[in-house]
């Protein structure tokens, strides 16, 4: 049986998420304010922003498989004209 001190926490906060994502705490806080897509979904406990460890790991797996690609800015391009369509 595992001791309570050996157990991994279910909920993490900004410092722990920063360590998991290899980012600084200020980068995490700035990204939260900007609504960055590279952050996993969070929730609030009182005044603190929290993440479930399982949700963060699942989000990272999805990013690794390419599900959370950043949206490219700008309009969609039309295909270039071909000789048959030029009159």
C-alpha atoms as a PDB file:
ATOM      1  CA  UNK A   1       0.000   0.000   0.000  1.00  0.00           C
ATOM      2  CA  UNK A   2       1.246   3.465  -0.851  1.00  0.00           C
ATOM      3  CA  UNK A   3       1.889   6.031   1.816  1.00  0.00           C
ATOM      4  CA  UNK A   4       0.211   9.394   1.586  1.00  0.00           C
ATOM      5  CA  UNK A   5       3.622  11.057   1.095  1.00  0.00           C
ATOM      6  CA  UNK A   6       4.317   8.754  -1.912  1.00  0.00           C
ATOM      7  CA  UNK A   7       1.064   9.612  -3.653  1.00  0.00           C
ATOM      8  CA  UNK A   8       1.050  12.045  -6.531  1.00  0.00           C
ATOM      9  CA  UNK A   9      -1.310  14.996  -6.084  1.00  0.00           C
ATOM     10  CA  UNK A  10      -4.507  14.901  -8.131  1.00  0.00           C
ATOM     11  CA  UNK A  11      -4.640  18.692  -8.529  1.00  0.00           C
ATOM     12  CA  UNK A  12      -1.696  20.913  -9.446  1.00  0.00           C
ATOM     13  CA  UNK A  13      -1.246  24.669  -9.573  1.00  0.00           C
ATOM     14  CA  UNK A  14       0.837  27.077 -11.664  1.00  0.00           C
ATOM     15  CA  UNK A  15       4.295  26.136 -10.244  1.00  0.00           C
ATOM     16  CA  UNK A  16       3.763  22.406 -10.807  1.00  0.00           C
ATOM     17  CA  UNK A  17       2.322  22.942 -14.306  1.00  0.00           C
ATOM     18  CA  UNK A  18       5.301  25.145 -15.173  1.00  0.00           C
ATOM     19  CA  UNK A  19       7.632  22.299 -14.185  1.00  0.00           C
ATOM     20  CA  UNK A  20       5.622  19.746 -16.208  1.00  0.00           C
ATOM     21  CA  UNK A  21       5.617  21.921 -19.339  1.00  0.00           C
ATOM     22  CA  UNK A  22       9.199  23.214 -18.891  1.00  0.00           C
ATOM     23  CA  UNK A  23       7.979  26.812 -18.890  1.00  0.00           C
ATOM     24  CA  UNK A  24       8.300  29.617 -16.387  1.00  0.00           C
ATOM     25  CA  UNK A  25       5.487  30.445 -13.998  1.00  0.00           C
ATOM     26  CA  UNK A  26       5.139  33.884 -15.554  1.00  0.00           C
ATOM     27  CA  UNK A  27       4.780  32.303 -19.015  1.00  0.00           C
ATOM     28  CA  UNK A  28       1.932  30.147 -17.695  1.00  0.00           C
ATOM     29  CA  UNK A  29       0.210  33.143 -16.089  1.00  0.00           C
ATOM     30  CA  UNK A  30       0.636  35.289 -19.220  1.00  0.00           C
ATOM     31  CA  UNK A  31      -0.730  32.492 -21.406  1.00  0.00           C
ATOM     32  CA  UNK A  32      -3.743  32.136 -19.103  1.00  0.00           C
ATOM     33  CA  UNK A  33      -4.536  35.844 -19.505  1.00  0.00           C
ATOM     34  CA  UNK A  34      -4.075  35.637 -23.293  1.00  0.00           C
ATOM     35  CA  UNK A  35      -6.157  32.460 -23.593  1.00  0.00           C
ATOM     36  CA  UNK A  36      -3.342  30.483 -25.222  1.00  0.00           C
ATOM     37  CA  UNK A  37      -4.308  27.241 -26.937  1.00  0.00           C
ATOM     38  CA  UNK A  38      -1.153  25.446 -25.756  1.00  0.00           C
ATOM     39  CA  UNK A  39      -2.418  25.273 -22.173  1.00  0.00           C
ATOM     40  CA  UNK A  40      -4.538  22.361 -20.955  1.00  0.00           C
ATOM     41  CA  UNK A  41      -8.058  23.092 -19.658  1.00  0.00           C
ATOM     42  CA  UNK A  42      -8.074  24.509 -16.148  1.00  0.00           C
ATOM     43  CA  UNK A  43     -10.548  25.267 -13.373  1.00  0.00           C
ATOM     44  CA  UNK A  44     -10.591  27.454 -10.301  1.00  0.00           C
ATOM     45  CA  UNK A  45     -10.585  26.412  -6.663  1.00  0.00           C
ATOM     46  CA  UNK A  46     -11.418  29.594  -4.857  1.00  0.00           C
ATOM     47  CA  UNK A  47      -8.965  32.108  -6.282  1.00  0.00           C
ATOM     48  CA  UNK A  48      -6.355  29.609  -7.490  1.00  0.00           C
ATOM     49  CA  UNK A  49      -6.144  28.245 -11.015  1.00  0.00           C
ATOM     50  CA  UNK A  50      -5.850  24.457 -10.987  1.00  0.00           C
ATOM     51  CA  UNK A  51      -5.308  21.541 -13.341  1.00  0.00           C
ATOM     52  CA  UNK A  52      -6.005  17.857 -12.845  1.00  0.00           C
ATOM     53  CA  UNK A  53      -2.865  15.814 -13.468  1.00  0.00           C
ATOM     54  CA  UNK A  54      -4.790  13.303 -15.588  1.00  0.00           C
ATOM     55  CA  UNK A  55      -6.217  16.068 -17.767  1.00  0.00           C
ATOM     56  CA  UNK A  56      -2.754  17.585 -18.303  1.00  0.00           C
ATOM     57  CA  UNK A  57      -1.277  14.227 -19.290  1.00  0.00           C
ATOM     58  CA  UNK A  58      -4.160  13.513 -21.681  1.00  0.00           C
ATOM     59  CA  UNK A  59      -3.777  16.995 -23.208  1.00  0.00           C
ATOM     60  CA  UNK A  60      -0.051  16.375 -23.741  1.00  0.00           C
ATOM     61  CA  UNK A  61      -0.795  13.014 -25.412  1.00  0.00           C
ATOM     62  CA  UNK A  62      -3.285  14.737 -27.721  1.00  0.00           C
ATOM     63  CA  UNK A  63      -0.731  17.458 -28.566  1.00  0.00           C
ATOM     64  CA  UNK A  64       1.846  14.790 -29.330  1.00  0.00           C
ATOM     65  CA  UNK A  65      -0.549  13.083 -31.733  1.00  0.00           C
ATOM     66  CA  UNK A  66      -1.296  16.413 -33.457  1.00  0.00           C
ATOM     67  CA  UNK A  67      -4.824  17.143 -32.244  1.00  0.00           C
ATOM     68  CA  UNK A  68      -4.045  20.612 -30.854  1.00  0.00           C
ATOM     69  CA  UNK A  69      -2.328  22.298 -33.782  1.00  0.00           C
ATOM     70  CA  UNK A  70      -2.265  26.094 -33.689  1.00  0.00           C
ATOM     71  CA  UNK A  71      -4.655  27.876 -36.011  1.00  0.00           C
ATOM     72  CA  UNK A  72      -2.794  29.711 -38.754  1.00  0.00           C
ATOM     73  CA  UNK A  73      -3.850  33.329 -39.184  1.00  0.00           C
ATOM     74  CA  UNK A  74      -5.126  34.725 -42.442  1.00  0.00           C
ATOM     75  CA  UNK A  75      -7.601  33.735 -45.081  1.00  0.00           C
ATOM     76  CA  UNK A  76      -7.788  30.413 -46.861  1.00  0.00           C
ATOM     77  CA  UNK A  77      -6.017  30.391 -50.188  1.00  0.00           C
ATOM     78  CA  UNK A  78      -7.639  29.527 -53.481  1.00  0.00           C
ATOM     79  CA  UNK A  79      -5.914  27.026 -55.744  1.00  0.00           C
ATOM     80  CA  UNK A  80      -3.780  28.678 -58.439  1.00  0.00           C
ATOM     81  CA  UNK A  81      -5.331  29.004 -61.902  1.00  0.00           C
ATOM     82  CA  UNK A  82      -4.602  26.386 -64.505  1.00  0.00           C
ATOM     83  CA  UNK A  83      -4.397  26.816 -68.293  1.00  0.00           C
ATOM     84  CA  UNK A  84      -7.807  25.266 -68.799  1.00  0.00           C
ATOM     85  CA  UNK A  85      -9.478  27.794 -66.501  1.00  0.00           C
ATOM     86  CA  UNK A  86      -7.733  30.871 -67.978  1.00  0.00           C
ATOM     87  CA  UNK A  87      -9.803  32.423 -70.784  1.00  0.00           C
END
